[in-house]
């Protein structure tokens, strides 16, 4: 199976994925009376595993819900020595550069990877390892926080696959990496 690394994330109008304090409350500013997951269930059914950074993993661990993932989770960290006890059966710690981690997971038959977390996404983009991006824009300006994107050595071309308005206010846009 051909590899496909994907992003599925929400951002503010000014490109932040968390506020200056790491908060995510702004993600829930738009009423969602039907509790839509905005297509996340369909998206997650199309991936073999998740690769996320330590900050994202720690944030997910603090959610007051049952473990939200049905696929294996791999946590990239240069500072963690082990996964905390309550989550050891839910996630595995991995070290290395994005290409090394991707190749290791591909070697395990995990070819469709969901890449999550700001720095992790930035590192995969810097190595041109992202094939598909689904970005939902929330109509709020945060002014500061954790940026989705960072500097790149060279431009990466993507093409629009589709865009849709959700709840009359959010814009969900899917892009595919254009290569050669």
Protein backbone atom coordinates (compact mmCIF):
# COMPACT_ATOMS: atom_id res chain seq x y z
CA UNK A 1 0.00 0.00 0.00
CA UNK A 2 1.26 3.45 -0.89
CA UNK A 3 2.05 5.71 2.03
CA UNK A 4 -0.12 8.72 2.76
CA UNK A 5 0.59 11.08 5.64
CA UNK A 6 -2.37 13.26 6.55
CA UNK A 7 -3.15 16.25 8.71
CA UNK A 8 -6.61 16.91 10.16
CA UNK A 9 -6.62 19.99 12.33
CA UNK A 10 -8.43 23.22 13.23
CA UNK A 11 -6.84 26.64 13.16
CA UNK A 12 -7.80 30.19 14.01
CA UNK A 13 -8.07 32.78 11.24
CA UNK A 14 -4.55 33.89 12.10
CA UNK A 15 -3.12 30.36 11.88
CA UNK A 16 -2.87 29.23 15.50
CA UNK A 17 -3.84 25.76 16.76
CA UNK A 18 -3.78 26.71 20.45
CA UNK A 19 -3.92 30.04 22.26
CA UNK A 20 -0.91 31.62 24.00
CA UNK A 21 -1.56 29.49 27.10
CA UNK A 22 -1.98 26.26 25.13
CA UNK A 23 -5.76 26.51 25.52
CA UNK A 24 -8.29 25.08 23.11
CA UNK A 25 -11.54 26.57 24.47
CA UNK A 26 -11.85 28.79 21.40
CA UNK A 27 -12.49 25.66 19.33
CA UNK A 28 -15.94 25.43 20.91
CA UNK A 29 -17.08 29.03 20.36
CA UNK A 30 -19.45 28.03 17.54
CA UNK A 31 -22.63 26.29 18.72
CA UNK A 32 -22.75 22.64 17.60
CA UNK A 33 -26.24 21.51 18.68
CA UNK A 34 -25.99 18.17 16.84
CA UNK A 35 -22.52 17.42 18.29
CA UNK A 36 -21.09 16.89 14.81
CA UNK A 37 -17.54 15.57 14.65
CA UNK A 38 -17.19 17.42 11.32
CA UNK A 39 -16.08 14.25 9.50
CA UNK A 40 -13.40 13.18 11.98
CA UNK A 41 -14.83 9.65 12.36
CA UNK A 42 -14.68 9.14 8.60
CA UNK A 43 -11.15 10.58 8.51
CA UNK A 44 -9.85 8.37 11.33
CA UNK A 45 -11.35 5.28 9.66
CA UNK A 46 -8.97 5.95 6.75
CA UNK A 47 -5.73 5.95 8.78
CA UNK A 48 -3.63 3.11 10.17
CA UNK A 49 -1.97 5.02 13.02
CA UNK A 50 -1.45 8.43 14.58
CA UNK A 51 1.91 10.14 15.08
CA UNK A 52 1.66 13.01 17.55
CA UNK A 53 4.00 15.16 19.56
CA UNK A 54 4.37 15.12 23.33
CA UNK A 55 2.39 18.35 23.85
CA UNK A 56 -0.56 17.02 21.88
CA UNK A 57 -0.39 13.68 23.68
CA UNK A 58 -0.37 15.39 27.09
CA UNK A 59 -3.32 17.56 26.05
CA UNK A 60 -5.32 14.50 24.91
CA UNK A 61 -4.50 12.73 28.18
CA UNK A 62 -6.13 15.62 30.08
CA UNK A 63 -9.41 15.42 28.16
CA UNK A 64 -12.27 14.34 30.40
CA UNK A 65 -13.36 11.61 27.98
CA UNK A 66 -12.53 7.99 27.23
CA UNK A 67 -9.45 7.45 25.05
CA UNK A 68 -10.61 8.90 21.71
CA UNK A 69 -8.57 6.79 19.29
CA UNK A 70 -9.21 3.37 17.78
CA UNK A 71 -5.89 3.14 15.92
CA UNK A 72 -2.36 2.85 17.34
CA UNK A 73 -0.87 6.11 18.66
CA UNK A 74 2.85 6.88 18.48
CA UNK A 75 4.20 9.79 20.51
CA UNK A 76 7.29 11.62 19.21
CA UNK A 77 9.30 13.10 22.04
CA UNK A 78 12.89 13.95 22.78
CA UNK A 79 12.16 14.52 26.48
CA UNK A 80 9.80 11.72 27.58
CA UNK A 81 11.38 8.48 28.75
CA UNK A 82 8.13 6.51 28.98
CA UNK A 83 4.41 6.79 28.46
CA UNK A 84 2.57 7.50 31.75
CA UNK A 85 1.05 4.39 33.36
CA UNK A 86 -2.65 4.97 32.57
CA UNK A 87 -1.84 5.30 28.85
CA UNK A 88 0.82 2.63 28.28
CA UNK A 89 -1.65 0.34 26.55
CA UNK A 90 -2.87 3.22 24.38
CA UNK A 91 0.32 4.80 23.03
CA UNK A 92 3.92 3.99 22.21
CA UNK A 93 6.87 6.35 22.52
CA UNK A 94 9.04 6.80 19.41
CA UNK A 95 12.28 8.70 18.88
CA UNK A 96 14.02 9.86 15.75
CA UNK A 97 13.60 12.10 12.76
CA UNK A 98 10.24 12.16 10.96
CA UNK A 99 11.53 10.12 8.01
CA UNK A 100 12.96 7.46 10.36
CA UNK A 101 9.72 7.20 12.31
CA UNK A 102 7.67 7.05 9.11
CA UNK A 103 9.88 4.31 7.67
CA UNK A 104 9.70 2.31 10.93
CA UNK A 105 5.90 2.52 10.96
CA UNK A 106 5.66 1.75 7.24
CA UNK A 107 7.80 -1.32 7.99
CA UNK A 108 5.08 -2.42 10.43
CA UNK A 109 2.47 -2.09 7.69
CA UNK A 110 1.22 1.28 8.97
CA UNK A 111 1.22 3.33 5.79
CA UNK A 112 -1.63 5.80 6.23
CA UNK A 113 -0.49 8.06 9.06
CA UNK A 114 -2.38 10.88 10.77
CA UNK A 115 0.22 13.46 11.80
CA UNK A 116 -0.96 15.61 14.72
CA UNK A 117 0.48 18.41 16.83
CA UNK A 118 2.02 21.71 15.80
CA UNK A 119 5.73 20.96 16.03
CA UNK A 120 5.23 17.42 14.70
CA UNK A 121 3.29 18.73 11.70
CA UNK A 122 5.93 21.41 11.11
CA UNK A 123 8.72 18.80 11.22
CA UNK A 124 6.92 16.48 8.78
CA UNK A 125 6.25 19.44 6.44
CA UNK A 126 9.89 20.54 6.66
CA UNK A 127 10.82 17.06 5.42
CA UNK A 128 8.09 17.13 2.72
CA UNK A 129 6.34 14.14 4.27
CA UNK A 130 2.74 15.42 4.22
CA UNK A 131 0.51 14.25 1.38
CA UNK A 132 -2.89 15.57 2.46
CA UNK A 133 -4.07 18.38 4.73
CA UNK A 134 -7.58 18.94 6.04
CA UNK A 135 -7.69 22.27 7.84
CA UNK A 136 -10.83 23.66 9.46
CA UNK A 137 -10.69 27.40 10.00
CA UNK A 138 -12.50 28.78 13.05
CA UNK A 139 -13.56 32.45 12.72
CA UNK A 140 -11.53 33.82 15.62
CA UNK A 141 -8.30 35.83 15.82
CA UNK A 142 -6.13 34.65 18.71
CA UNK A 143 -3.29 37.13 18.17
CA UNK A 144 -0.69 34.71 19.52
CA UNK A 145 -0.28 31.05 20.34
CA UNK A 146 0.99 27.82 18.81
CA UNK A 147 1.25 28.29 15.02
CA UNK A 148 0.19 25.55 12.63
CA UNK A 149 2.93 26.37 10.14
CA UNK A 150 6.56 27.47 10.41
CA UNK A 151 9.36 28.46 8.05
CA UNK A 152 10.18 26.09 5.21
CA UNK A 153 13.38 25.85 3.18
CA UNK A 154 11.35 25.73 -0.04
CA UNK A 155 7.69 26.16 -0.99
CA UNK A 156 5.45 23.08 -0.96
CA UNK A 157 2.66 23.14 -3.53
CA UNK A 158 -0.76 21.81 -2.59
CA UNK A 159 -3.93 21.76 -4.63
CA UNK A 160 -7.45 22.23 -3.37
CA UNK A 161 -9.49 19.04 -3.38
CA UNK A 162 -12.59 20.43 -1.70
CA UNK A 163 -13.86 23.10 0.63
CA UNK A 164 -17.08 23.24 2.62
CA UNK A 165 -18.78 25.53 5.09
CA UNK A 166 -19.81 23.82 8.33
CA UNK A 167 -22.37 25.18 10.80
CA UNK A 168 -22.59 28.27 8.61
CA UNK A 169 -19.27 29.60 10.00
CA UNK A 170 -16.40 27.09 9.84
CA UNK A 171 -14.52 26.43 6.62
CA UNK A 172 -13.15 22.90 6.20
CA UNK A 173 -10.64 22.68 3.37
CA UNK A 174 -8.83 19.63 2.05
CA UNK A 175 -5.57 19.98 0.14
CA UNK A 176 -3.47 17.37 -1.67
CA UNK A 177 0.30 17.66 -2.08
CA UNK A 178 1.22 18.37 -5.69
CA UNK A 179 4.48 16.62 -6.52
CA UNK A 180 6.60 16.95 -9.66
